[in-house]
C-alpha atoms as a PDB file:
ATOM      1  CA  MET A   1     203.876 239.276 -58.268  1.00  0.00           C
ATOM      2  CA  ALA A   2     203.569 239.220 -62.041  1.00  0.00           C
ATOM      3  CA  ALA A   3     201.893 242.095 -63.475  1.00  0.00           C
ATOM      4  CA  LEU A   4     198.302 241.300 -64.878  1.00  0.00           C
ATOM      5  CA  VAL A   5     198.036 241.333 -68.679  1.00  0.00           C
ATOM      6  CA  VAL A   6     195.373 243.316 -70.396  1.00  0.00           C
ATOM      7  CA  LEU A   7     194.635 242.102 -73.833  1.00  0.00           C
ATOM      8  CA  ASP A   8     192.914 244.612 -76.320  1.00  0.00           C
ATOM      9  CA  ILE A   9     191.220 242.842 -78.955  1.00  0.00           C
ATOM     10  CA  VAL A  10     189.005 243.819 -81.757  1.00  0.00           C
ATOM     11  CA  ALA A  11     185.299 242.606 -81.447  1.00  0.00           C
ATOM     12  CA  LEU A  12     182.374 242.631 -83.354  1.00  0.00           C
ATOM     13  CA  VAL A  13     179.303 243.318 -81.506  1.00  0.00           C
ATOM     14  CA  ALA A  14     175.493 242.387 -82.157  1.00  0.00           C
ATOM     15  CA  ASP A  15     175.090 245.509 -84.629  1.00  0.00           C
ATOM     16  CA  LEU A  16     178.322 244.647 -86.499  1.00  0.00           C
ATOM     17  CA  VAL A  17     180.101 247.596 -85.242  1.00  0.00           C
ATOM     18  CA  ILE A  18     183.906 246.922 -84.291  1.00  0.00           C
ATOM     19  CA  GLY A  19     185.090 248.086 -81.090  1.00  0.00           C
ATOM     20  CA  ILE A  20     187.833 247.408 -78.741  1.00  0.00           C
ATOM     21  CA  ILE A  21     187.164 245.051 -75.872  1.00  0.00           C
ATOM     22  CA  GLN A  22     189.166 244.359 -72.785  1.00  0.00           C
ATOM     23  CA  ILE A  23     189.602 241.375 -70.857  1.00  0.00           C
ATOM     24  CA  LEU A  24     190.695 241.870 -67.500  1.00  0.00           C
ATOM     25  CA  PRO A  25     192.644 240.213 -65.959  1.00  0.00           C
ATOM     26  CA  LEU A  26     194.158 237.871 -68.830  1.00  0.00           C
ATOM     27  CA  LEU A  27     196.875 236.078 -68.352  1.00  0.00           C
ATOM     28  CA  ASP A  28     199.697 235.736 -65.705  1.00  0.00           C
ATOM     29  CA  THR A  29     203.108 235.026 -67.030  1.00  0.00           C
ATOM     30  CA  HIS A  30     204.897 234.892 -63.568  1.00  0.00           C
ATOM     31  CA  ASN A  31     205.782 230.870 -64.481  1.00  0.00           C
ATOM     32  CA  VAL A  32     206.441 231.539 -68.090  1.00  0.00           C
ATOM     33  CA  PRO A  33     209.899 231.661 -69.342  1.00  0.00           C
ATOM     34  CA  GLU A  34     210.405 234.951 -71.199  1.00  0.00           C
ATOM     35  CA  GLY A  35     210.686 234.445 -75.254  1.00  0.00           C
ATOM     36  CA  SER A  36     210.220 230.395 -75.253  1.00  0.00           C
ATOM     37  CA  THR A  37     206.279 230.211 -74.829  1.00  0.00           C
ATOM     38  CA  SER A  38     203.181 231.993 -75.722  1.00  0.00           C
ATOM     39  CA  ILE A  39     199.958 231.518 -73.830  1.00  0.00           C
ATOM     40  CA  VAL A  40     196.516 231.164 -75.222  1.00  0.00           C
ATOM     41  CA  ARG A  41     193.487 231.791 -73.071  1.00  0.00           C
ATOM     42  CA  VAL A  42     189.890 229.996 -74.488  1.00  0.00           C
ATOM     43  CA  GLY A  43     186.615 231.297 -72.603  1.00  0.00           C
ATOM     44  CA  ILE A  44     184.126 228.759 -72.851  1.00  0.00           C
ATOM     45  CA  GLY A  45     180.691 229.958 -73.455  1.00  0.00           C
ATOM     46  CA  LEU A  46     178.575 226.521 -73.469  1.00  0.00           C
ATOM     47  CA  TYR A  47     179.625 222.634 -73.960  1.00  0.00           C
ATOM     48  CA  ASN A  48     177.431 219.678 -75.455  1.00  0.00           C
ATOM     49  CA  THR A  49     178.070 217.173 -72.489  1.00  0.00           C
ATOM     50  CA  SER A  50     177.013 217.039 -69.026  1.00  0.00           C
ATOM     51  CA  SER A  51     178.306 219.080 -66.355  1.00  0.00           C
ATOM     52  CA  LEU A  52     181.864 218.070 -66.819  1.00  0.00           C
ATOM     53  CA  GLY A  53     181.972 220.325 -69.586  1.00  0.00           C
ATOM     54  CA  GLY A  54     183.688 220.241 -72.760  1.00  0.00           C
ATOM     55  CA  ASP A  55     187.294 219.122 -73.700  1.00  0.00           C
ATOM     56  CA  VAL A  56     190.301 221.124 -73.516  1.00  0.00           C
ATOM     57  CA  PRO A  57     191.159 222.270 -77.064  1.00  0.00           C
ATOM     58  CA  GLY A  58     194.672 221.640 -78.732  1.00  0.00           C
ATOM     59  CA  ILE A  59     196.704 224.160 -80.111  1.00  0.00           C
ATOM     60  CA  THR A  60     199.268 224.807 -82.774  1.00  0.00           C
ATOM     61  CA  VAL A  61     201.076 228.142 -83.677  1.00  0.00           C
ATOM     62  CA  TRP A  62     203.144 229.276 -86.796  1.00  0.00           C
ATOM     63  CA  ASN A  63     204.818 232.806 -87.648  1.00  0.00           C
ATOM     64  CA  GLU A  64     204.293 234.932 -90.292  1.00  0.00           C
ATOM     65  CA  ASP A  65     206.510 232.425 -92.906  1.00  0.00           C
ATOM     66  CA  GLY A  66     204.433 229.429 -91.987  1.00  0.00           C
ATOM     67  CA  LYS A  67     206.450 228.009 -89.844  1.00  0.00           C
ATOM     68  CA  LYS A  68     205.611 225.872 -87.053  1.00  0.00           C
ATOM     69  CA  LEU A  69     206.691 227.248 -84.008  1.00  0.00           C
ATOM     70  CA  GLY A  70     204.676 224.671 -81.217  1.00  0.00           C
ATOM     71  CA  ASN A  71     201.714 222.436 -80.547  1.00  0.00           C
ATOM     72  CA  VAL A  72     199.764 221.282 -77.457  1.00  0.00           C
ATOM     73  CA  PRO A  73     197.655 218.500 -78.464  1.00  0.00           C
ATOM     74  CA  THR A  74     193.736 218.279 -77.545  1.00  0.00           C
ATOM     75  CA  HIS A  75     193.616 217.503 -73.749  1.00  0.00           C
ATOM     76  CA  LYS A  76     191.565 214.534 -74.065  1.00  0.00           C
ATOM     77  CA  GLY A  77     189.618 213.702 -70.921  1.00  0.00           C
ATOM     78  CA  THR A  78     190.406 217.098 -69.413  1.00  0.00           C
ATOM     79  CA  LYS A  79     187.087 219.253 -69.174  1.00  0.00           C
ATOM     80  CA  VAL A  80     186.393 223.005 -69.145  1.00  0.00           C
ATOM     81  CA  GLU A  81     182.943 224.256 -67.867  1.00  0.00           C
ATOM     82  CA  ALA A  82     180.946 226.744 -69.440  1.00  0.00           C
ATOM     83  CA  GLY A  83     181.570 230.253 -68.317  1.00  0.00           C
ATOM     84  CA  ALA A  84     185.097 229.215 -67.302  1.00  0.00           C
ATOM     85  CA  TYR A  85     188.268 229.527 -69.100  1.00  0.00           C
ATOM     86  CA  VAL A  86     191.585 227.565 -69.415  1.00  0.00           C
ATOM     87  CA  ASP A  87     195.379 228.773 -70.187  1.00  0.00           C
ATOM     88  CA  ILE A  88     197.226 226.772 -72.431  1.00  0.00           C
ATOM     89  CA  VAL A  89     201.312 227.298 -72.324  1.00  0.00           C
ATOM     90  CA  VAL A  90     202.908 226.590 -75.813  1.00  0.00           C
ATOM     91  CA  PRO A  91     206.478 226.030 -75.765  1.00  0.00           C
ATOM     92  CA  GLN A  92     207.804 227.297 -79.280  1.00  0.00           C
ATOM     93  CA  ASN A  93     211.193 226.159 -81.148  1.00  0.00           C
ATOM     94  CA  PRO A  94     212.689 228.282 -82.336  1.00  0.00           C
ATOM     95  CA  ALA A  95     212.128 230.931 -79.221  1.00  0.00           C
ATOM     96  CA  LYS A  96     211.087 234.522 -79.646  1.00  0.00           C
ATOM     97  CA  LEU A  97     209.352 234.383 -82.980  1.00  0.00           C
ATOM     98  CA  GLN A  98     206.091 235.936 -83.368  1.00  0.00           C
ATOM     99  CA  PRO A  99     202.996 233.142 -83.568  1.00  0.00           C
ATOM    100  CA  THR A 100     200.849 235.238 -85.495  1.00  0.00           C
ATOM    101  CA  TYR A 101     198.951 232.061 -86.737  1.00  0.00           C
ATOM    102  CA  VAL A 102     196.955 230.120 -84.036  1.00  0.00           C
ATOM    103  CA  LYS A 103     194.866 226.989 -84.844  1.00  0.00           C
ATOM    104  CA  ILE A 104     192.449 225.734 -82.039  1.00  0.00           C
ATOM    105  CA  GLU A 105     191.409 222.101 -82.441  1.00  0.00           C
ATOM    106  CA  GLY A 106     188.456 220.962 -80.606  1.00  0.00           C
ATOM    107  CA  GLY A 107     188.214 217.680 -78.865  1.00  0.00           C
ATOM    108  CA  ASN A 108     185.105 214.904 -78.906  1.00  0.00           C
ATOM    109  CA  ASP A 109     183.338 216.809 -76.701  1.00  0.00           C
ATOM    110  CA  SER A 110     182.623 220.326 -78.628  1.00  0.00           C
ATOM    111  CA  VAL A 111     182.741 223.349 -76.885  1.00  0.00           C
ATOM    112  CA  CYS A 112     181.148 227.005 -77.721  1.00  0.00           C
ATOM    113  CA  VAL A 113     184.326 229.399 -77.619  1.00  0.00           C
ATOM    114  CA  ALA A 114     183.551 233.268 -76.400  1.00  0.00           C
ATOM    115  CA  TYR A 115     186.823 234.596 -76.706  1.00  0.00           C
ATOM    116  CA  ILE A 116     190.467 233.747 -77.237  1.00  0.00           C
ATOM    117  CA  GLY A 117     193.067 235.612 -76.007  1.00  0.00           C
ATOM    118  CA  HIS A 118     196.932 235.262 -76.854  1.00  0.00           C
ATOM    119  CA  ALA A 119     200.476 236.291 -75.311  1.00  0.00           C
ATOM    120  CA  TRP A 120     203.120 236.414 -77.668  1.00  0.00           C
ATOM    121  CA  PRO A 121     206.802 235.870 -76.077  1.00  0.00           C
ATOM    122  CA  ASP A 122     207.591 239.343 -76.996  1.00  0.00           C
ATOM    123  CA  GLY A 123     204.638 240.700 -74.711  1.00  0.00           C
ATOM    124  CA  THR A 124     202.473 241.394 -77.892  1.00  0.00           C
ATOM    125  CA  ARG A 125     198.863 240.875 -77.014  1.00  0.00           C
ATOM    126  CA  ARG A 126     195.966 239.756 -79.507  1.00  0.00           C
ATOM    127  CA  GLY A 127     192.954 238.433 -79.434  1.00  0.00           C
ATOM    128  CA  TRP A 128     189.605 236.881 -81.140  1.00  0.00           C
ATOM    129  CA  LEU A 129     185.720 236.938 -80.027  1.00  0.00           C
ATOM    130  CA  GLY A 130     183.046 234.334 -80.747  1.00  0.00           C
ATOM    131  CA  ASP A 131     180.765 236.805 -82.470  1.00  0.00           C
ATOM    132  CA  ILE A 132     183.297 236.242 -85.430  1.00  0.00           C
ATOM    133  CA  GLY A 133     182.124 232.588 -85.750  1.00  0.00           C
ATOM    134  CA  LYS A 134     178.344 233.950 -86.210  1.00  0.00           C
ATOM    135  CA  VAL A 135     179.669 236.299 -88.969  1.00  0.00           C
ATOM    136  CA  CYS A 136     181.273 234.059 -90.993  1.00  0.00           C
ATOM    137  CA  GLY A 137     178.424 231.491 -91.117  1.00  0.00           C
ATOM    138  CA  ARG A 138     179.503 229.173 -88.320  1.00  0.00           C
ATOM    139  CA  GLU A 139     177.750 227.595 -85.425  1.00  0.00           C
ATOM    140  CA  TRP A 140     176.964 229.823 -82.681  1.00  0.00           C
ATOM    141  CA  PHE A 141     174.801 230.485 -79.695  1.00  0.00           C
ATOM    142  CA  TYR A 142     174.967 232.966 -76.980  1.00  0.00           C
ATOM    143  CA  SER A 143     176.978 232.981 -74.038  1.00  0.00           C
ATOM    144  CA  ASN A 144     177.217 234.246 -70.418  1.00  0.00           C
ATOM    145  CA  THR A 145     180.386 235.286 -70.463  1.00  0.00           C
ATOM    146  CA  TYR A 146     181.124 238.636 -69.593  1.00  0.00           C
ATOM    147  CA  VAL A 147     184.357 240.892 -71.265  1.00  0.00           C
ATOM    148  CA  THR A 148     185.078 244.517 -70.086  1.00  0.00           C
ATOM    149  CA  GLN A 149     185.124 247.672 -72.432  1.00  0.00           C
ATOM    150  CA  PRO A 150     187.530 250.272 -72.183  1.00  0.00           C
ATOM    151  CA  ASN A 151     184.662 252.774 -70.949  1.00  0.00           C
ATOM    152  CA  GLY A 152     184.072 250.068 -68.027  1.00  0.00           C
ATOM    153  CA  THR A 153     181.090 249.061 -69.521  1.00  0.00           C
ATOM    154  CA  GLN A 154     180.543 245.067 -69.731  1.00  0.00           C
ATOM    155  CA  TYR A 155     179.401 243.087 -72.928  1.00  0.00           C
ATOM    156  CA  LYS A 156     178.438 239.171 -73.493  1.00  0.00           C
ATOM    157  CA  PRO A 157     179.601 238.017 -76.849  1.00  0.00           C
ATOM    158  CA  PHE A 158     178.390 235.238 -78.893  1.00  0.00           C
ATOM    159  CA  CYS A 159     180.338 232.048 -78.520  1.00  0.00           C
ATOM    160  CA  THR A 160     181.571 229.751 -81.844  1.00  0.00           C
ATOM    161  CA  TRP A 161     180.936 225.861 -81.801  1.00  0.00           C
ATOM    162  CA  ILE A 162     184.240 223.911 -82.164  1.00  0.00           C
ATOM    163  CA  GLY A 163     184.711 220.351 -81.785  1.00  0.00           C
ATOM    164  CA  GLY A 164     182.818 217.334 -81.524  1.00  0.00           C
ATOM    165  CA  ILE A 165     180.781 215.103 -84.308  1.00  0.00           C
ATOM    166  CA  GLY A 166     178.582 218.247 -85.247  1.00  0.00           C
ATOM    167  CA  ALA A 167     175.127 218.800 -86.338  1.00  0.00           C
ATOM    168  CA  THR A 168     176.189 219.732 -90.112  1.00  0.00           C
ATOM    169  CA  PRO A 169     178.074 218.659 -92.718  1.00  0.00           C
ATOM    170  CA  GLY A 170     180.742 221.184 -92.283  1.00  0.00           C
ATOM    171  CA  TRP A 171     180.669 221.581 -88.592  1.00  0.00           C
ATOM    172  CA  THR A 172     183.612 223.360 -87.372  1.00  0.00           C
ATOM    173  CA  THR A 173     186.728 221.119 -85.477  1.00  0.00           C
ATOM    174  CA  GLU A 174     189.213 223.577 -85.823  1.00  0.00           C
ATOM    175  CA  MET A 175     189.778 226.995 -86.542  1.00  0.00           C
ATOM    176  CA  THR A 176     192.955 228.868 -87.591  1.00  0.00           C
ATOM    177  CA  ILE A 177     192.912 232.633 -87.107  1.00  0.00           C
ATOM    178  CA  HIS A 178     195.442 235.209 -87.949  1.00  0.00           C
ATOM    179  CA  THR A 179     195.489 237.539 -85.046  1.00  0.00           C
ATOM    180  CA  PRO A 180     196.944 240.629 -86.373  1.00  0.00           C
ATOM    181  CA  GLU A 181     194.176 241.369 -88.595  1.00  0.00           C
ATOM    182  CA  PHE A 182     191.444 241.026 -85.456  1.00  0.00           C
ATOM    183  CA  SER A 183     193.559 243.594 -83.437  1.00  0.00           C
ATOM    184  CA  SER A 184     195.821 246.128 -85.355  1.00  0.00           C
ATOM    185  CA  ILE A 185     195.452 248.720 -82.532  1.00  0.00           C
ATOM    186  CA  GLY A 186     197.897 251.544 -82.274  1.00  0.00           C
ATOM    187  CA  GLN A 187     199.629 253.033 -79.250  1.00  0.00           C
ATOM    188  CA  SER A 188     196.359 255.352 -79.121  1.00  0.00           C
ATOM    189  CA  ASN A 189     194.063 252.766 -79.476  1.00  0.00           C
ATOM    190  CA  ASP A 190     193.354 253.759 -82.814  1.00  0.00           C
ATOM    191  CA  PHE A 191     192.563 251.205 -85.573  1.00  0.00           C
ATOM    192  CA  SER A 192     191.163 250.907 -88.974  1.00  0.00           C
ATOM    193  CA  VAL A 193     187.610 249.353 -89.425  1.00  0.00           C
ATOM    194  CA  PRO A 194     187.267 247.601 -92.488  1.00  0.00           C
ATOM    195  CA  PRO A 195     184.107 248.776 -94.633  1.00  0.00           C
ATOM    196  CA  ASP A 196     182.699 245.343 -94.747  1.00  0.00           C
ATOM    197  CA  PRO A 197     182.884 243.520 -91.262  1.00  0.00           C
ATOM    198  CA  SER A 198     182.673 240.333 -93.515  1.00  0.00           C
ATOM    199  CA  SER A 199     186.002 240.892 -94.694  1.00  0.00           C
ATOM    200  CA  LEU A 200     187.404 239.192 -91.480  1.00  0.00           C
ATOM    201  CA  CYS A 201     185.916 235.981 -92.646  1.00  0.00           C
ATOM    202  CA  ARG A 202     188.415 235.819 -95.760  1.00  0.00           C
ATOM    203  CA  SER A 203     190.907 233.171 -95.903  1.00  0.00           C
ATOM    204  CA  SER A 204     193.781 235.311 -94.954  1.00  0.00           C
ATOM    205  CA  ALA A 205     192.187 236.366 -91.744  1.00  0.00           C
ATOM    206  CA  SER A 206     190.249 232.979 -90.688  1.00  0.00           C
ATOM    207  CA  THR A 207     189.811 229.672 -91.951  1.00  0.00           C
ATOM    208  CA  TRP A 208     187.494 226.878 -90.726  1.00  0.00           C
ATOM    209  CA  GLY A 209     187.956 222.840 -90.860  1.00  0.00           C
ATOM    210  CA  ASN A 210     186.085 219.966 -90.350  1.00  0.00           C
ATOM    211  CA  LYS A 211     188.624 217.297 -90.278  1.00  0.00           C
ATOM    212  CA  PRO A 212     188.088 214.169 -88.346  1.00  0.00           C
ATOM    213  CA  ILE A 213     189.371 214.582 -84.456  1.00  0.00           C
ATOM    214  CA  ALA A 214     192.245 212.512 -83.931  1.00  0.00           C
ATOM    215  CA  SER A 215     192.413 211.105 -80.046  1.00  0.00           C
ATOM    216  CA  SER A 216     195.931 211.345 -80.072  1.00  0.00           C
ATOM    217  CA  GLY A 217     195.752 215.562 -80.589  1.00  0.00           C
ATOM    218  CA  SER A 218     198.674 214.711 -83.350  1.00  0.00           C
ATOM    219  CA  ILE A 219     199.148 217.626 -85.710  1.00  0.00           C
ATOM    220  CA  ARG A 220     199.523 216.657 -89.439  1.00  0.00           C
ATOM    221  CA  THR A 221     202.851 217.809 -91.280  1.00  0.00           C
ATOM    222  CA  ALA A 222     201.919 219.953 -94.161  1.00  0.00           C
ATOM    223  CA  SER A 223     202.825 223.170 -95.795  1.00  0.00           C
ATOM    224  CA  LEU A 224     201.274 226.413 -94.304  1.00  0.00           C
ATOM    225  CA  PHE A 225     198.974 227.073 -97.165  1.00  0.00           C
ATOM    226  CA  GLY A 226     198.219 223.102 -97.105  1.00  0.00           C
ATOM    227  CA  ILE A 227     196.897 223.564 -93.665  1.00  0.00           C
ATOM    228  CA  PHE A 228     195.025 226.628 -94.276  1.00  0.00           C
ATOM    229  CA  THR A 229     192.471 225.259 -96.790  1.00  0.00           C
ATOM    230  CA  LEU A 230     189.995 228.039 -98.136  1.00  0.00           C
ATOM    231  CA  PHE A 231     186.580 227.052 -97.383  1.00  0.00           C
ATOM    232  CA  SER A 232     183.668 228.976 -98.733  1.00  0.00           C
ATOM    233  CA  MET A 233     183.180 232.672 -97.380  1.00  0.00           C
ATOM    234  CA  LEU A 234     179.740 232.619 -95.612  1.00  0.00           C
ATOM    235  CA  THR A 235     178.034 235.468 -93.825  1.00  0.00           C
ATOM    236  CA  ASN A 236     174.971 236.006 -92.131  1.00  0.00           C
ATOM    237  CA  ALA A 237     173.035 235.720 -95.032  1.00  0.00           C
ATOM    238  CA  ILE A 238     172.594 232.158 -95.562  1.00  0.00           C
ATOM    239  CA  PRO A 239     171.673 231.502 -99.194  1.00  0.00           C
ATOM    240  CA  THR A 240     168.934 228.827 -99.667  1.00  0.00           C
ATOM    241  CA  GLY A 241     169.634 225.051 -99.850  1.00  0.00           C
ATOM    242  CA  GLN A 242     173.085 225.618 -97.565  1.00  0.00           C
ATOM    243  CA  LYS A 243     173.737 224.003 -94.439  1.00  0.00           C
ATOM    244  CA  SER A 244     171.505 224.339 -91.760  1.00  0.00           C
ATOM    245  CA  ILE A 245     171.616 222.708 -87.986  1.00  0.00           C
ATOM    246  CA  SER A 246     170.488 219.126 -87.461  1.00  0.00           C
ATOM    247  CA  THR A 247     168.601 218.768 -84.082  1.00  0.00           C
ATOM    248  CA  SER A 248     167.389 215.296 -84.490  1.00  0.00           C
ATOM    249  CA  ALA A 249     170.450 214.085 -82.058  1.00  0.00           C
ATOM    250  CA  SER A 250     170.926 217.492 -80.111  1.00  0.00           C
ATOM    251  CA  PRO A 251     172.684 216.657 -76.523  1.00  0.00           C
ATOM    252  CA  PHE A 252     170.230 219.445 -75.278  1.00  0.00           C
ATOM    253  CA  GLN A 253     167.087 218.007 -75.345  1.00  0.00           C
ATOM    254  CA  SER A 254     166.864 218.081 -71.570  1.00  0.00           C
ATOM    255  CA  THR A 255     168.204 221.507 -71.004  1.00  0.00           C
ATOM    256  CA  ILE A 256     166.954 225.156 -71.466  1.00  0.00           C
ATOM    257  CA  VAL A 257     168.661 228.478 -71.081  1.00  0.00           C
ATOM    258  CA  GLY A 258     166.912 231.359 -69.514  1.00  0.00           C
ATOM    259  CA  SER A 259     168.871 234.866 -70.086  1.00  0.00           C
ATOM    260  CA  HIS A 260     167.961 238.293 -68.674  1.00  0.00           C
ATOM    261  CA  TYR A 261     170.421 240.176 -70.858  1.00  0.00           C
ATOM    262  CA  ALA A 262     168.703 242.580 -72.905  1.00  0.00           C
ATOM    263  CA  ARG A 263     171.079 241.663 -76.389  1.00  0.00           C
ATOM    264  CA  HIS A 264     170.235 237.772 -75.943  1.00  0.00           C
ATOM    265  CA  ASN A 265     167.050 237.711 -78.495  1.00  0.00           C
ATOM    266  CA  SER A 266     165.092 234.688 -78.640  1.00  0.00           C
ATOM    267  CA  THR A 267     163.473 235.031 -82.096  1.00  0.00           C
ATOM    268  CA  ALA A 268     167.284 235.948 -83.633  1.00  0.00           C
ATOM    269  CA  LEU A 269     168.283 232.716 -82.035  1.00  0.00           C
ATOM    270  CA  CYS A 270     165.443 231.017 -83.612  1.00  0.00           C
ATOM    271  CA  SER A 271     165.383 232.481 -86.743  1.00  0.00           C
ATOM    272  CA  SER A 272     168.973 231.941 -87.587  1.00  0.00           C
ATOM    273  CA  PRO A 273     169.870 228.333 -89.329  1.00  0.00           C
ATOM    274  CA  LEU A 274     173.051 228.143 -87.792  1.00  0.00           C
ATOM    275  CA  SER A 275     172.263 228.732 -83.926  1.00  0.00           C
ATOM    276  CA  TYR A 276     172.666 225.296 -82.314  1.00  0.00           C
ATOM    277  CA  GLY A 277     172.121 224.902 -78.295  1.00  0.00           C
ATOM    278  CA  PRO A 278     169.451 224.529 -75.909  1.00  0.00           C
ATOM    279  CA  ASP A 279     165.969 225.555 -75.755  1.00  0.00           C
ATOM    280  CA  PHE A 280     165.861 229.326 -74.856  1.00  0.00           C
ATOM    281  CA  VAL A 281     164.167 232.167 -73.087  1.00  0.00           C
ATOM    282  CA  SER A 282     164.659 235.963 -73.442  1.00  0.00           C
ATOM    283  CA  PHE A 283     162.861 237.644 -70.445  1.00  0.00           C
ATOM    284  CA  HIS A 284     163.774 240.930 -71.814  1.00  0.00           C
ATOM    285  CA  GLU A 285     161.886 239.820 -75.297  1.00  0.00           C
ATOM    286  CA  GLY A 286     159.222 237.718 -73.846  1.00  0.00           C
ATOM    287  CA  VAL A 287     159.688 234.933 -75.784  1.00  0.00           C
ATOM    288  CA  PHE A 288     160.898 230.983 -75.993  1.00  0.00           C
ATOM    289  CA  CYS A 289     162.578 229.663 -78.390  1.00  0.00           C
ATOM    290  CA  ASP A 290     162.442 225.802 -79.373  1.00  0.00           C
ATOM    291  CA  MET A 291     165.535 224.919 -80.573  1.00  0.00           C
ATOM    292  CA  THR A 292     164.470 221.620 -82.043  1.00  0.00           C
ATOM    293  CA  LYS A 293     161.575 223.103 -84.011  1.00  0.00           C
ATOM    294  CA  LYS A 294     163.212 226.668 -84.490  1.00  0.00           C
ATOM    295  CA  HIS A 295     159.857 228.036 -83.416  1.00  0.00           C
ATOM    296  CA  THR A 296     158.921 230.839 -80.988  1.00  0.00           C
ATOM    297  CA  ILE A 297     156.105 231.537 -78.623  1.00  0.00           C
ATOM    298  CA  PRO A 298     155.678 234.399 -76.205  1.00  0.00           C
ATOM    299  CA  LEU A 299     156.057 233.638 -72.570  1.00  0.00           C
ATOM    300  CA  CYS A 300     152.849 233.609 -70.131  1.00  0.00           C
ATOM    301  CA  LYS A 301     152.139 236.742 -68.341  1.00  0.00           C
ATOM    302  CA  PHE A 302     149.157 238.706 -67.388  1.00  0.00           C
ATOM    303  CA  ALA A 303     148.087 239.478 -70.853  1.00  0.00           C
ATOM    304  CA  GLN A 304     148.872 235.987 -72.430  1.00  0.00           C
ATOM    305  CA  GLN A 305     147.697 233.112 -70.557  1.00  0.00           C
ATOM    306  CA  TYR A 306     147.686 230.457 -73.161  1.00  0.00           C
ATOM    307  CA  ASP A 307     149.336 229.738 -76.337  1.00  0.00           C
ATOM    308  CA  CYS A 308     152.563 230.384 -74.219  1.00  0.00           C
ATOM    309  CA  TYR A 309     155.426 229.299 -72.130  1.00  0.00           C
ATOM    310  CA  ASP A 310     155.243 229.318 -68.607  1.00  0.00           C
ATOM    311  CA  TRP A 311     158.791 229.878 -67.134  1.00  0.00           C
ATOM    312  CA  ASN A 312     157.882 228.987 -63.755  1.00  0.00           C
ATOM    313  CA  THR A 313     155.959 225.429 -64.318  1.00  0.00           C
ATOM    314  CA  HIS A 314     158.248 225.013 -67.704  1.00  0.00           C
ATOM    315  CA  SER A 315     155.267 223.811 -69.624  1.00  0.00           C
ATOM    316  CA  LEU A 316     153.589 225.097 -72.863  1.00  0.00           C
ATOM    317  CA  VAL A 317     150.013 226.253 -72.028  1.00  0.00           C
ATOM    318  CA  ASP A 318     147.427 225.637 -75.194  1.00  0.00           C
ATOM    319  CA  ARG A 319     144.193 227.343 -75.730  1.00  0.00           C
ATOM    320  CA  LYS A 320     142.355 225.281 -72.901  1.00  0.00           C
ATOM    321  CA  LEU A 321     144.916 226.445 -70.366  1.00  0.00           C
ATOM    322  CA  LYS A 322     146.337 222.649 -70.370  1.00  0.00           C
ATOM    323  CA  LYS A 323     149.995 222.440 -69.309  1.00  0.00           C
ATOM    324  CA  ARG A 324     152.049 220.283 -71.034  1.00  0.00           C
ATOM    325  CA  LYS A 325     155.447 219.692 -68.851  1.00  0.00           C
ATOM    326  CA  MET A 326     158.572 220.068 -71.195  1.00  0.00           C
ATOM    327  CA  GLY A 327     160.590 217.223 -69.205  1.00  0.00           C
ATOM    328  CA  TYR A 328     163.801 219.615 -68.356  1.00  0.00           C
ATOM    329  CA  SER A 329     166.170 218.200 -65.962  1.00  0.00           C
ATOM    330  CA  GLU A 330     168.536 221.027 -66.126  1.00  0.00           C
ATOM    331  CA  VAL A 331     167.321 224.695 -65.955  1.00  0.00           C
ATOM    332  CA  ILE A 332     169.983 227.282 -66.452  1.00  0.00           C
ATOM    333  CA  GLU A 333     169.154 231.094 -65.619  1.00  0.00           C
ATOM    334  CA  TRP A 334     171.649 233.639 -66.761  1.00  0.00           C
ATOM    335  CA  LYS A 335     171.180 236.771 -64.820  1.00  0.00           C
END
């Protein structure tokens, strides 16, 4: 029986403190020829279509010299559900080289990626969490996907949207990461934390693209630097006039998510110009977020009987205690 692989990855948590996260177990390499392949695990936090899920993304890897080592096209028609993961085996030629750059290409149905784990042919393991997308000014949402920290506690990372038509002019359809910059971990789990966490958004670490999605999933032939186009580095502070989410054609109009997780905050979600997803309720905060209007109101409770959102009936209650049904056909509650 193959040993379970433990992936130590560097993660940005909600307060921008970097910590080591472990995804246990990550990959089983039992059927993988040693030295000739790498495996990429993509964990999905959400998707923007029906219960069928989002498209399994395509993967391309390069080494440090920009030599393309392998590619698996976007899996058109193959779906992965929220809260699930998919392992993508990438054949490498030539074999045994380190695939330090990995590109993730979304399909027609976008997915919100909570984490990425990458096992190299030589046994090295690197990774990335969806928190990075929010820090770098990309479209994001909360996820219900757990990863486990070394002390045994669990953590739910944010997720970053990839693929689909998108809701902003610069919507992310592909992302390339230089994984060593996110998981430079020593033998004693020691690592150096950059003074400014947004430095992980620089072009050498992360590049973001909004190229048209090719249904064939084919990869353009270009030099390394032609592929890794430098986009303007964005941080949490989005300047006035910069892109924001268009909700006029949101596929989430009939969906609401309610979360009991303390770090899931409706006010923070609604106040972000780049948050994207269904209406949201934070039970810990006691607040409802209308993601179309980016407007918050409190939940109805003993001390708040009007101008509030009633979770039990999924209605807005006005000052005359009249209830207006929201008409959700899909209600999701994250425990």
